[in-house]
N, C-alpha and C. Protein backbone atom coordinates (compact mmCIF):
# COMPACT_ATOMS: atom_id res chain seq x y z
N UNK A 1 -38.03 -21.72 -17.87
CA UNK A 1 -36.77 -21.15 -17.20
C UNK A 1 -35.94 -22.41 -16.69
N UNK A 2 -34.73 -22.19 -16.78
CA UNK A 2 -33.77 -23.32 -16.37
C UNK A 2 -33.80 -23.44 -14.78
N UNK A 3 -33.51 -24.50 -14.32
CA UNK A 3 -33.56 -24.72 -12.91
C UNK A 3 -32.39 -24.19 -12.13
N UNK A 4 -31.26 -23.82 -12.83
CA UNK A 4 -30.00 -23.42 -12.09
C UNK A 4 -29.34 -22.34 -13.03
N UNK A 5 -28.46 -21.60 -12.46
CA UNK A 5 -27.69 -20.61 -13.24
C UNK A 5 -26.66 -21.28 -13.98
N UNK A 6 -26.42 -20.87 -15.25
CA UNK A 6 -25.43 -21.49 -16.16
C UNK A 6 -23.96 -21.19 -15.70
N UNK A 7 -23.05 -22.09 -15.82
CA UNK A 7 -21.62 -21.94 -15.45
C UNK A 7 -21.55 -21.85 -13.94
N UNK A 8 -22.49 -22.29 -13.08
CA UNK A 8 -22.38 -22.22 -11.60
C UNK A 8 -21.10 -22.99 -11.17
N UNK A 9 -20.89 -24.09 -11.87
CA UNK A 9 -19.71 -24.94 -11.34
C UNK A 9 -18.46 -24.38 -11.56
N UNK A 10 -18.09 -23.74 -12.77
CA UNK A 10 -16.80 -23.03 -12.60
C UNK A 10 -16.76 -21.97 -11.95
N UNK A 11 -17.90 -21.20 -11.56
CA UNK A 11 -17.93 -20.02 -10.80
C UNK A 11 -17.58 -20.55 -9.26
N UNK A 12 -18.13 -21.74 -8.91
CA UNK A 12 -17.83 -22.23 -7.57
C UNK A 12 -16.30 -22.41 -7.46
N UNK A 13 -15.64 -22.81 -8.41
CA UNK A 13 -14.18 -23.12 -8.30
C UNK A 13 -13.47 -21.74 -8.36
N UNK A 14 -14.10 -20.71 -9.01
CA UNK A 14 -13.54 -19.43 -8.94
C UNK A 14 -13.69 -18.72 -7.62
N UNK A 15 -14.84 -19.07 -6.94
CA UNK A 15 -14.92 -18.71 -5.47
C UNK A 15 -13.77 -19.29 -4.62
N UNK A 16 -13.59 -20.52 -4.86
CA UNK A 16 -12.44 -21.22 -4.02
C UNK A 16 -11.10 -20.62 -4.34
N UNK A 17 -11.02 -20.31 -5.65
CA UNK A 17 -9.68 -19.56 -6.07
C UNK A 17 -9.58 -18.19 -5.28
N UNK A 18 -10.77 -17.44 -5.23
CA UNK A 18 -10.63 -16.15 -4.51
C UNK A 18 -10.31 -16.42 -3.07
N UNK A 19 -10.87 -17.42 -2.48
CA UNK A 19 -10.48 -17.66 -1.02
C UNK A 19 -9.09 -17.93 -0.81
N UNK A 20 -8.58 -18.80 -1.69
CA UNK A 20 -7.07 -19.13 -1.61
C UNK A 20 -6.24 -17.98 -1.84
N UNK A 21 -6.66 -17.04 -2.72
CA UNK A 21 -5.88 -15.74 -2.97
C UNK A 21 -5.98 -14.82 -1.84
N UNK A 22 -7.16 -14.75 -1.32
CA UNK A 22 -7.28 -13.90 -0.01
C UNK A 22 -6.39 -14.39 1.11
N UNK A 23 -6.38 -15.66 1.21
CA UNK A 23 -5.47 -16.34 2.28
C UNK A 23 -3.95 -15.98 1.86
N UNK A 24 -3.70 -16.08 0.73
CA UNK A 24 -2.30 -15.77 0.38
C UNK A 24 -1.77 -14.48 0.59
N UNK A 25 -2.77 -13.44 0.20
CA UNK A 25 -2.49 -12.07 0.43
C UNK A 25 -2.50 -11.68 1.90
N UNK A 26 -3.25 -12.33 2.67
CA UNK A 26 -3.25 -11.90 4.13
C UNK A 26 -2.10 -12.63 5.00
N UNK A 27 -1.21 -13.40 4.37
CA UNK A 27 0.02 -13.81 4.88
C UNK A 27 0.95 -12.71 5.23
N UNK A 28 1.79 -12.91 6.27
CA UNK A 28 2.87 -11.95 6.45
C UNK A 28 3.67 -11.79 5.16
N UNK A 29 4.34 -10.60 5.20
CA UNK A 29 5.10 -10.12 3.98
C UNK A 29 6.34 -11.19 3.88
N UNK A 30 6.52 -11.68 2.58
CA UNK A 30 7.77 -12.40 2.42
C UNK A 30 8.03 -12.20 0.77
N UNK A 31 9.30 -12.43 0.38
CA UNK A 31 9.73 -11.98 -0.89
C UNK A 31 8.89 -12.61 -2.06
N UNK A 32 8.52 -13.86 -1.92
CA UNK A 32 7.70 -14.43 -3.12
C UNK A 32 6.46 -13.76 -3.29
N UNK A 33 5.69 -13.48 -2.21
CA UNK A 33 4.45 -12.75 -2.30
C UNK A 33 4.71 -11.50 -3.03
N UNK A 34 5.78 -10.70 -2.55
CA UNK A 34 5.92 -9.39 -3.13
C UNK A 34 6.19 -9.45 -4.75
N UNK A 35 7.02 -10.52 -4.92
CA UNK A 35 7.41 -10.65 -6.44
C UNK A 35 6.11 -11.04 -7.32
N UNK A 36 5.29 -11.77 -6.71
CA UNK A 36 3.98 -12.23 -7.43
C UNK A 36 3.14 -11.17 -7.74
N UNK A 37 2.94 -10.33 -6.56
CA UNK A 37 1.94 -9.27 -6.72
C UNK A 37 2.45 -8.03 -7.55
N UNK A 38 3.70 -7.87 -7.48
CA UNK A 38 4.24 -6.89 -8.37
C UNK A 38 4.36 -7.34 -9.77
N UNK A 39 4.70 -8.48 -9.99
CA UNK A 39 4.59 -9.08 -11.39
C UNK A 39 3.19 -8.95 -11.92
N UNK A 40 2.13 -9.39 -11.34
CA UNK A 40 0.78 -9.48 -11.79
C UNK A 40 0.30 -7.95 -12.05
N UNK A 41 0.53 -7.10 -11.05
CA UNK A 41 -0.08 -5.77 -11.08
C UNK A 41 0.66 -4.70 -11.92
N UNK A 42 2.00 -4.92 -11.92
CA UNK A 42 2.82 -3.84 -12.64
C UNK A 42 3.49 -4.39 -13.83
N UNK A 43 3.36 -5.68 -14.19
CA UNK A 43 3.91 -6.22 -15.33
C UNK A 43 3.24 -5.64 -16.56
N UNK A 44 4.11 -5.31 -17.74
CA UNK A 44 3.49 -4.74 -18.96
C UNK A 44 3.55 -5.85 -20.07
N UNK A 45 3.46 -7.14 -19.81
CA UNK A 45 3.55 -8.28 -20.69
C UNK A 45 2.05 -8.13 -21.33
N UNK A 46 1.98 -8.63 -22.76
CA UNK A 46 0.74 -8.72 -23.36
C UNK A 46 -0.08 -9.77 -22.87
N UNK A 47 0.50 -10.86 -22.44
CA UNK A 47 -0.34 -12.01 -21.86
C UNK A 47 -1.00 -11.52 -20.55
N UNK A 48 -0.19 -10.71 -19.78
CA UNK A 48 -0.79 -10.36 -18.52
C UNK A 48 -1.96 -9.28 -18.74
N UNK A 49 -1.68 -8.56 -19.63
CA UNK A 49 -2.79 -7.50 -19.94
C UNK A 49 -3.92 -8.24 -20.44
N UNK A 50 -3.88 -9.33 -21.23
CA UNK A 50 -5.13 -10.15 -21.73
C UNK A 50 -5.63 -10.80 -20.37
N UNK A 51 -4.95 -11.22 -19.64
CA UNK A 51 -5.48 -11.94 -18.44
C UNK A 51 -6.21 -11.14 -17.48
N UNK A 52 -5.69 -9.75 -17.31
CA UNK A 52 -6.43 -8.74 -16.51
C UNK A 52 -7.69 -8.45 -17.15
N UNK A 53 -7.88 -8.16 -18.52
CA UNK A 53 -8.89 -7.87 -19.26
C UNK A 53 -10.04 -9.06 -19.06
N UNK A 54 -9.54 -10.32 -19.15
CA UNK A 54 -10.43 -11.39 -19.17
C UNK A 54 -11.01 -11.56 -17.74
N UNK A 55 -10.10 -11.14 -16.76
CA UNK A 55 -10.55 -11.22 -15.32
C UNK A 55 -11.67 -10.19 -15.10
N UNK A 56 -11.53 -9.06 -15.54
CA UNK A 56 -12.53 -8.01 -15.38
C UNK A 56 -13.85 -8.42 -16.17
N UNK A 57 -13.71 -8.89 -17.21
CA UNK A 57 -14.87 -9.33 -18.19
C UNK A 57 -15.71 -10.46 -17.42
N UNK A 58 -14.87 -11.36 -16.82
CA UNK A 58 -15.44 -12.42 -16.26
C UNK A 58 -16.31 -12.00 -15.02
N UNK A 59 -15.94 -11.10 -14.29
CA UNK A 59 -16.73 -10.70 -13.10
C UNK A 59 -17.87 -9.78 -13.49
N UNK A 60 -17.73 -9.11 -14.68
CA UNK A 60 -18.86 -8.42 -15.32
C UNK A 60 -19.87 -9.36 -15.72
N UNK A 61 -19.50 -10.54 -16.14
CA UNK A 61 -20.52 -11.43 -16.74
C UNK A 61 -21.25 -12.28 -15.38
N UNK A 62 -20.40 -12.34 -14.32
CA UNK A 62 -20.79 -12.96 -13.13
C UNK A 62 -21.91 -12.02 -12.61
N UNK A 63 -21.63 -10.74 -12.51
CA UNK A 63 -22.56 -9.64 -12.04
C UNK A 63 -23.88 -9.76 -12.88
N UNK A 64 -23.89 -9.94 -14.20
CA UNK A 64 -25.09 -10.11 -14.92
C UNK A 64 -25.91 -11.47 -14.44
N UNK A 65 -25.09 -12.42 -14.29
CA UNK A 65 -25.73 -13.69 -13.80
C UNK A 65 -26.43 -13.48 -12.50
N UNK A 66 -25.71 -12.71 -11.76
CA UNK A 66 -26.30 -12.47 -10.32
C UNK A 66 -27.54 -11.62 -10.46
N UNK A 67 -27.61 -10.66 -11.34
CA UNK A 67 -28.96 -9.87 -11.60
C UNK A 67 -30.04 -10.96 -12.18
N UNK A 68 -29.59 -11.75 -13.06
CA UNK A 68 -30.60 -12.64 -13.52
C UNK A 68 -30.98 -13.68 -12.49
N UNK A 69 -30.18 -14.00 -11.60
CA UNK A 69 -30.66 -14.98 -10.58
C UNK A 69 -31.52 -14.33 -9.57
N UNK A 70 -31.48 -13.07 -9.32
CA UNK A 70 -32.41 -12.42 -8.60
C UNK A 70 -33.77 -12.38 -9.23
N UNK A 71 -33.85 -12.19 -10.38
CA UNK A 71 -35.07 -12.19 -11.24
C UNK A 71 -35.68 -13.59 -11.18
N UNK A 72 -34.83 -14.61 -11.36
CA UNK A 72 -35.34 -15.96 -11.33
C UNK A 72 -35.92 -16.23 -9.95
N UNK A 73 -35.24 -15.82 -8.78
CA UNK A 73 -35.72 -16.21 -7.53
C UNK A 73 -37.15 -15.55 -7.27
N UNK A 74 -37.24 -14.26 -7.81
CA UNK A 74 -38.49 -13.65 -7.55
C UNK A 74 -39.61 -14.43 -8.33
N UNK A 75 -39.37 -14.82 -9.59
CA UNK A 75 -40.33 -15.53 -10.28
C UNK A 75 -40.61 -16.89 -9.62
N UNK A 76 -39.67 -17.56 -9.09
CA UNK A 76 -39.99 -18.87 -8.44
C UNK A 76 -40.69 -18.78 -7.21
N UNK A 77 -40.43 -17.61 -6.39
CA UNK A 77 -41.24 -17.37 -5.23
C UNK A 77 -42.64 -17.11 -5.71
N UNK A 78 -42.94 -16.45 -6.59
CA UNK A 78 -44.32 -16.42 -7.10
C UNK A 78 -45.04 -17.61 -7.42
N UNK A 79 -44.12 -18.43 -8.25
CA UNK A 79 -44.80 -19.80 -8.56
C UNK A 79 -45.03 -20.59 -7.41
N UNK A 80 -44.16 -20.63 -6.41
CA UNK A 80 -44.34 -21.39 -5.26
C UNK A 80 -45.56 -21.03 -4.43
N UNK A 81 -45.66 -19.64 -4.28
CA UNK A 81 -46.83 -19.13 -3.68
C UNK A 81 -48.10 -19.49 -4.40
N UNK A 82 -48.06 -19.38 -5.68
CA UNK A 82 -49.39 -19.74 -6.44
C UNK A 82 -49.66 -21.18 -6.22
N UNK A 83 -48.65 -22.03 -6.18
CA UNK A 83 -48.75 -23.56 -6.21
C UNK A 83 -49.33 -23.86 -4.78
N UNK A 84 -48.88 -23.25 -3.78
CA UNK A 84 -49.41 -23.47 -2.29
C UNK A 84 -51.05 -22.95 -2.22
N UNK A 85 -51.21 -21.96 -3.01
CA UNK A 85 -52.58 -21.40 -2.90
C UNK A 85 -53.49 -22.32 -3.77
N UNK A 86 -53.05 -22.85 -4.87
CA UNK A 86 -53.83 -23.65 -5.70
C UNK A 86 -54.09 -24.96 -5.02
N UNK A 87 -55.48 -25.34 -4.98
CA UNK A 87 -55.73 -26.66 -4.43
C UNK A 87 -55.57 -27.81 -5.36
N UNK A 88 -55.49 -27.47 -6.69
CA UNK A 88 -55.37 -28.49 -7.69
C UNK A 88 -53.86 -28.98 -7.75
N UNK A 89 -52.95 -28.12 -7.29
CA UNK A 89 -51.49 -28.38 -7.44
C UNK A 89 -51.13 -29.67 -6.54
N UNK A 90 -50.49 -30.58 -7.22
CA UNK A 90 -50.10 -31.84 -6.55
C UNK A 90 -48.69 -31.74 -5.85
N UNK A 91 -48.24 -32.66 -5.00
CA UNK A 91 -47.09 -32.55 -4.21
C UNK A 91 -45.82 -32.51 -5.23
N UNK A 92 -45.97 -33.24 -6.35
CA UNK A 92 -44.81 -33.27 -7.36
C UNK A 92 -44.48 -31.81 -7.77
N UNK A 93 -45.57 -31.14 -8.17
CA UNK A 93 -45.27 -29.76 -8.66
C UNK A 93 -44.71 -28.89 -7.47
N UNK A 94 -45.27 -29.04 -6.34
CA UNK A 94 -44.70 -28.27 -5.21
C UNK A 94 -43.18 -28.50 -4.90
N UNK A 95 -42.85 -29.85 -5.00
CA UNK A 95 -41.50 -30.19 -4.83
C UNK A 95 -40.63 -29.72 -5.92
N UNK A 96 -41.17 -29.71 -7.11
CA UNK A 96 -40.31 -29.14 -8.34
C UNK A 96 -40.01 -27.82 -8.14
N UNK A 97 -40.98 -26.89 -7.80
CA UNK A 97 -40.83 -25.57 -7.74
C UNK A 97 -40.07 -25.25 -6.51
N UNK A 98 -40.08 -25.99 -5.34
CA UNK A 98 -39.34 -25.76 -4.32
C UNK A 98 -37.73 -26.16 -4.57
N UNK A 99 -37.65 -27.21 -5.31
CA UNK A 99 -36.13 -27.46 -5.72
C UNK A 99 -35.59 -26.45 -6.46
N UNK A 100 -36.30 -25.95 -7.44
CA UNK A 100 -35.85 -24.91 -8.29
C UNK A 100 -35.43 -23.60 -7.60
N UNK A 101 -36.47 -23.28 -6.67
CA UNK A 101 -36.18 -22.09 -5.70
C UNK A 101 -34.85 -22.25 -4.85
N UNK A 102 -34.74 -23.47 -4.30
CA UNK A 102 -33.50 -23.78 -3.56
C UNK A 102 -32.31 -23.69 -4.37
N UNK A 103 -32.32 -24.11 -5.58
CA UNK A 103 -31.09 -24.01 -6.44
C UNK A 103 -30.95 -22.62 -6.87
N UNK A 104 -31.81 -21.82 -7.05
CA UNK A 104 -31.66 -20.40 -7.30
C UNK A 104 -31.17 -19.63 -6.07
N UNK A 105 -31.57 -20.03 -4.96
CA UNK A 105 -31.00 -19.45 -3.64
C UNK A 105 -29.52 -19.85 -3.50
N UNK A 106 -29.28 -21.05 -3.78
CA UNK A 106 -27.89 -21.52 -3.72
C UNK A 106 -26.96 -20.72 -4.55
N UNK A 107 -27.54 -20.66 -5.81
CA UNK A 107 -26.66 -19.87 -6.83
C UNK A 107 -26.42 -18.38 -6.53
N UNK A 108 -27.50 -17.70 -5.85
CA UNK A 108 -27.50 -16.56 -5.46
C UNK A 108 -26.30 -16.28 -4.41
N UNK A 109 -26.26 -17.13 -3.60
CA UNK A 109 -25.19 -17.09 -2.48
C UNK A 109 -23.85 -17.28 -2.99
N UNK A 110 -23.65 -18.11 -4.12
CA UNK A 110 -22.41 -18.50 -4.69
C UNK A 110 -21.86 -17.30 -5.39
N UNK A 111 -22.91 -16.68 -6.09
CA UNK A 111 -22.46 -15.39 -7.03
C UNK A 111 -22.16 -14.23 -6.16
N UNK A 112 -22.94 -13.96 -5.16
CA UNK A 112 -22.58 -12.89 -4.36
C UNK A 112 -21.38 -12.92 -3.60
N UNK A 113 -21.14 -14.16 -3.18
CA UNK A 113 -19.71 -14.42 -2.33
C UNK A 113 -18.61 -14.32 -3.31
N UNK A 114 -18.89 -14.81 -4.61
CA UNK A 114 -17.88 -14.67 -5.55
C UNK A 114 -17.37 -13.10 -5.85
N UNK A 115 -18.47 -12.32 -6.06
CA UNK A 115 -18.21 -10.94 -6.25
C UNK A 115 -17.65 -10.28 -4.94
N UNK A 116 -18.16 -10.57 -3.79
CA UNK A 116 -17.60 -9.99 -2.61
C UNK A 116 -16.20 -10.51 -2.52
N UNK A 117 -15.90 -11.68 -2.81
CA UNK A 117 -14.33 -12.19 -2.64
C UNK A 117 -13.52 -11.37 -3.69
N UNK A 118 -14.10 -11.12 -4.96
CA UNK A 118 -13.30 -10.43 -5.85
C UNK A 118 -13.04 -8.90 -5.45
N UNK A 119 -13.89 -8.33 -4.74
CA UNK A 119 -13.66 -6.88 -4.13
C UNK A 119 -12.57 -7.00 -3.09
N UNK A 120 -12.72 -7.95 -2.17
CA UNK A 120 -11.79 -8.03 -1.13
C UNK A 120 -10.42 -8.42 -1.72
N UNK A 121 -10.34 -9.17 -2.75
CA UNK A 121 -9.08 -9.44 -3.34
C UNK A 121 -8.34 -8.24 -3.96
N UNK A 122 -9.25 -7.53 -4.62
CA UNK A 122 -8.72 -6.30 -5.18
C UNK A 122 -8.19 -5.29 -4.16
N UNK A 123 -8.96 -5.10 -3.11
CA UNK A 123 -8.48 -4.19 -2.00
C UNK A 123 -7.26 -4.70 -1.28
N UNK A 124 -7.00 -6.07 -1.09
CA UNK A 124 -5.89 -6.64 -0.50
C UNK A 124 -4.64 -6.31 -1.34
N UNK A 125 -4.97 -6.61 -2.67
CA UNK A 125 -3.79 -6.43 -3.64
C UNK A 125 -3.35 -4.90 -3.59
N UNK A 126 -4.23 -4.05 -3.53
CA UNK A 126 -3.93 -2.57 -3.33
C UNK A 126 -3.15 -2.46 -2.08
N UNK A 127 -3.56 -3.01 -0.94
CA UNK A 127 -2.94 -2.81 0.32
C UNK A 127 -1.60 -3.40 0.32
N UNK A 128 -1.46 -4.55 -0.24
CA UNK A 128 0.00 -5.12 -0.50
C UNK A 128 0.91 -4.11 -1.18
N UNK A 129 0.36 -3.59 -2.21
CA UNK A 129 1.23 -2.64 -3.06
C UNK A 129 1.59 -1.50 -2.09
N UNK A 130 0.60 -0.91 -1.52
CA UNK A 130 0.95 0.21 -0.56
C UNK A 130 1.93 -0.10 0.54
N UNK A 131 1.78 -1.35 1.18
CA UNK A 131 2.82 -1.65 2.13
C UNK A 131 4.19 -1.97 1.51
N UNK A 132 4.31 -2.40 0.34
CA UNK A 132 5.52 -2.47 -0.26
C UNK A 132 6.26 -1.23 -0.52
N UNK A 133 5.42 -0.19 -1.00
CA UNK A 133 5.98 1.11 -1.13
C UNK A 133 6.40 1.73 0.10
N UNK A 134 5.60 1.45 1.25
CA UNK A 134 5.92 2.08 2.54
C UNK A 134 7.28 1.31 3.01
N UNK A 135 7.45 0.05 2.63
CA UNK A 135 8.64 -0.75 3.11
C UNK A 135 9.82 -0.10 2.36
N UNK A 136 9.66 0.09 1.14
CA UNK A 136 10.96 0.73 0.43
C UNK A 136 11.23 2.00 1.00
N UNK A 137 10.20 2.96 1.24
CA UNK A 137 10.46 4.22 1.72
C UNK A 137 11.23 4.07 3.20
N UNK A 138 10.69 3.25 3.94
CA UNK A 138 11.16 2.89 5.29
C UNK A 138 12.58 2.56 5.15
N UNK A 139 13.01 1.67 4.25
CA UNK A 139 14.32 1.23 4.12
C UNK A 139 15.29 2.34 3.74
N UNK A 140 14.75 3.23 2.73
CA UNK A 140 15.48 4.31 2.30
C UNK A 140 15.81 5.29 3.47
N UNK A 141 14.63 5.56 4.18
CA UNK A 141 14.85 6.50 5.36
C UNK A 141 15.89 5.98 6.38
N UNK A 142 15.73 4.74 6.62
CA UNK A 142 16.66 3.99 7.54
C UNK A 142 18.03 4.19 7.10
N UNK A 143 18.37 3.83 5.86
CA UNK A 143 19.63 4.13 5.37
C UNK A 143 20.24 5.43 5.52
N UNK A 144 19.22 6.34 5.14
CA UNK A 144 19.60 7.92 5.31
C UNK A 144 19.99 8.13 6.69
N UNK A 145 19.09 7.70 7.68
CA UNK A 145 19.34 7.95 9.00
C UNK A 145 20.69 7.36 9.53
N UNK A 146 21.07 6.11 9.15
CA UNK A 146 22.19 5.59 9.50
C UNK A 146 23.45 6.45 9.07
N UNK A 147 23.30 6.83 7.75
CA UNK A 147 24.36 7.76 7.21
C UNK A 147 24.51 8.90 7.99
N UNK A 148 23.30 9.66 8.22
CA UNK A 148 23.44 10.90 9.12
C UNK A 148 23.96 10.75 10.54
N UNK A 149 23.55 9.55 11.02
CA UNK A 149 24.18 9.23 12.36
C UNK A 149 25.67 8.93 12.41
N UNK A 150 26.04 8.41 11.34
CA UNK A 150 27.54 8.15 11.09
C UNK A 150 28.36 9.56 11.00
N UNK A 151 27.62 10.29 10.08
CA UNK A 151 28.26 11.59 9.92
C UNK A 151 28.35 12.46 11.13
N UNK A 152 27.16 12.34 11.95
CA UNK A 152 27.14 13.25 13.16
C UNK A 152 28.12 12.64 14.22
N UNK A 153 28.42 11.33 14.30
CA UNK A 153 29.42 10.91 15.17
C UNK A 153 30.89 11.28 14.75
N UNK A 154 31.10 11.44 13.45
CA UNK A 154 32.46 11.75 12.89
C UNK A 154 32.57 13.25 13.15
N UNK A 155 31.51 14.15 13.03
CA UNK A 155 31.56 15.52 13.41
C UNK A 155 31.82 15.69 14.81
N UNK A 156 31.13 14.94 15.71
CA UNK A 156 31.23 15.07 16.98
C UNK A 156 32.75 14.66 17.51
N UNK A 157 33.33 13.65 16.90
CA UNK A 157 34.76 13.35 17.28
C UNK A 157 35.66 14.45 16.79
N UNK A 158 35.45 14.97 15.60
CA UNK A 158 36.24 16.12 15.05
C UNK A 158 36.15 17.29 15.93
N UNK A 159 34.93 17.57 16.52
CA UNK A 159 34.73 18.82 17.43
C UNK A 159 35.38 18.47 18.73
N UNK A 160 35.23 17.39 19.24
CA UNK A 160 36.05 16.92 20.52
C UNK A 160 37.49 17.08 20.32
N UNK A 161 37.99 16.62 19.22
CA UNK A 161 39.44 16.81 18.92
C UNK A 161 39.87 18.23 18.82
N UNK A 162 39.08 18.99 18.20
CA UNK A 162 39.38 20.48 18.05
C UNK A 162 39.42 21.13 19.46
N UNK A 163 38.45 20.87 20.26
CA UNK A 163 38.38 21.35 21.70
C UNK A 163 39.55 21.03 22.48
N UNK A 164 39.83 19.83 22.37
CA UNK A 164 41.08 19.26 23.14
C UNK A 164 42.30 19.95 22.63
N UNK A 165 42.37 20.12 21.31
CA UNK A 165 43.58 20.77 20.69
C UNK A 165 43.71 22.28 21.15
N UNK A 166 42.53 22.88 21.34
CA UNK A 166 42.52 24.29 21.71
C UNK A 166 43.11 24.53 23.16
N UNK A 167 42.52 23.61 23.91
CA UNK A 167 43.03 23.58 25.37
C UNK A 167 44.50 23.51 25.55
N UNK A 168 45.01 22.39 24.68
CA UNK A 168 46.43 22.07 24.90
C UNK A 168 47.28 23.11 24.20
N UNK A 169 46.93 23.65 23.16
CA UNK A 169 47.70 24.54 22.36
C UNK A 169 47.31 25.92 22.47
N UNK A 170 46.75 26.44 23.72
CA UNK A 170 46.35 27.66 23.89
C UNK A 170 47.51 28.60 24.10
N UNK A 171 47.48 29.66 23.22
CA UNK A 171 48.81 30.42 23.42
C UNK A 171 48.86 31.16 24.66
N UNK A 172 50.02 31.49 25.16
CA UNK A 172 50.27 32.12 26.37
C UNK A 172 50.26 33.74 26.09
N UNK A 173 49.54 34.46 26.90
CA UNK A 173 49.41 35.77 26.67
C UNK A 173 50.64 36.57 27.30
N UNK A 174 51.37 37.19 26.41
CA UNK A 174 52.56 38.09 26.68
C UNK A 174 52.19 39.44 26.75
N UNK A 175 52.69 40.22 27.63
CA UNK A 175 52.44 41.78 27.69
C UNK A 175 53.19 42.35 26.39
N UNK A 176 52.50 43.26 25.95
CA UNK A 176 53.14 44.08 24.67
C UNK A 176 54.29 44.83 25.21
N UNK A 177 55.32 44.97 24.42
CA UNK A 177 56.33 45.87 24.83
C UNK A 177 56.11 47.35 24.87
N UNK A 178 56.64 48.05 25.85
CA UNK A 178 56.23 49.47 26.05
C UNK A 178 57.15 50.29 25.04
N UNK A 179 56.55 51.50 24.75
CA UNK A 179 57.33 52.39 23.88
C UNK A 179 58.55 52.85 24.67
N UNK A 180 59.58 52.95 23.86
CA UNK A 180 60.85 53.69 24.37
C UNK A 180 60.63 55.17 24.42
N UNK A 181 61.49 55.80 25.03
CA UNK A 181 61.44 57.36 25.26
C UNK A 181 61.55 57.99 23.86
N UNK A 182 62.52 57.40 23.02
CA UNK A 182 62.69 58.04 21.75
C UNK A 182 61.46 57.87 20.86
N UNK A 183 60.90 56.67 20.94
CA UNK A 183 59.65 56.33 20.18
C UNK A 183 58.56 57.20 20.51
N UNK A 184 58.43 57.53 21.85
CA UNK A 184 57.37 58.47 22.28
C UNK A 184 57.58 59.86 21.76
N UNK A 185 58.86 60.34 21.76
CA UNK A 185 59.18 61.69 21.17
C UNK A 185 58.81 61.89 19.84
N UNK A 186 59.18 60.77 18.95
CA UNK A 186 58.94 60.82 17.57
C UNK A 186 57.34 60.72 17.34
N UNK A 187 56.69 60.04 18.15
CA UNK A 187 55.34 60.05 17.92
C UNK A 187 54.51 61.30 18.30
N UNK A 188 55.13 62.04 19.21
CA UNK A 188 54.54 63.39 19.75
C UNK A 188 54.86 64.40 18.58
N UNK A 189 56.11 64.25 18.04
CA UNK A 189 56.40 65.28 16.99
C UNK A 189 55.53 65.03 15.64
N UNK A 190 55.32 63.80 15.43
CA UNK A 190 54.40 63.45 14.22
C UNK A 190 53.01 64.01 14.53
N UNK A 191 52.43 63.91 15.75
CA UNK A 191 51.16 64.33 16.01
C UNK A 191 51.12 65.89 15.88
N UNK A 192 52.20 66.53 16.51
CA UNK A 192 52.21 67.96 16.36
C UNK A 192 52.24 68.46 14.93
N UNK A 193 52.99 67.94 14.08
CA UNK A 193 53.16 68.15 12.65
C UNK A 193 51.88 68.00 11.94
N UNK A 194 51.16 67.02 12.30
CA UNK A 194 49.76 66.79 11.51
C UNK A 194 48.85 67.87 12.08
N UNK A 195 48.91 68.35 13.28
CA UNK A 195 47.94 69.38 13.74
C UNK A 195 48.29 70.68 13.11
N UNK A 196 49.73 70.96 12.93
CA UNK A 196 50.02 72.32 12.32
C UNK A 196 49.50 72.39 10.74
N UNK A 197 49.79 71.11 10.17
CA UNK A 197 49.34 71.17 8.71
C UNK A 197 47.85 71.24 8.64
N UNK A 198 47.01 70.89 9.52
CA UNK A 198 45.53 71.14 9.55
C UNK A 198 45.31 72.54 9.67
């Protein structure tokens, strides 16, 4: 068995990259961050699609290395236990097994933190996208509210103008003219005629 996990050096740099990405995504919202996140997540470029696929496959590979490292640690723990129980084992053998066990434990922590940071990066990326959607909706609602407020003020002004116009131009009530004697007689005749016809 090899003493350390293969590709642990590049994986360590990937862990640093995850930490930088998490810090970048945790910063307050600014246009450059929104542009980068939207370009990476929603871009339909072939190169971006290949990068996304390679990123997923890379973390699947890291997960397999993590499982293999757990198996290696268990094996080395058994070997160290046997070496300490064996009276014939010399100090060089014990030191060798101890170094290999410490390297396996170091690789274990690097791998698990890399996977953990990958999950945090993904969740932060989704959170940034949701915040951007909420920001766009907020701006739309704010613009709609401003328009409605402007229209309500215009309607209030028109209503006040109408009220003031009604008060100023209120028509004076004049008494209706009374029927003359001749009109009353004609009306009485007409009523009598209609009654006879019935």
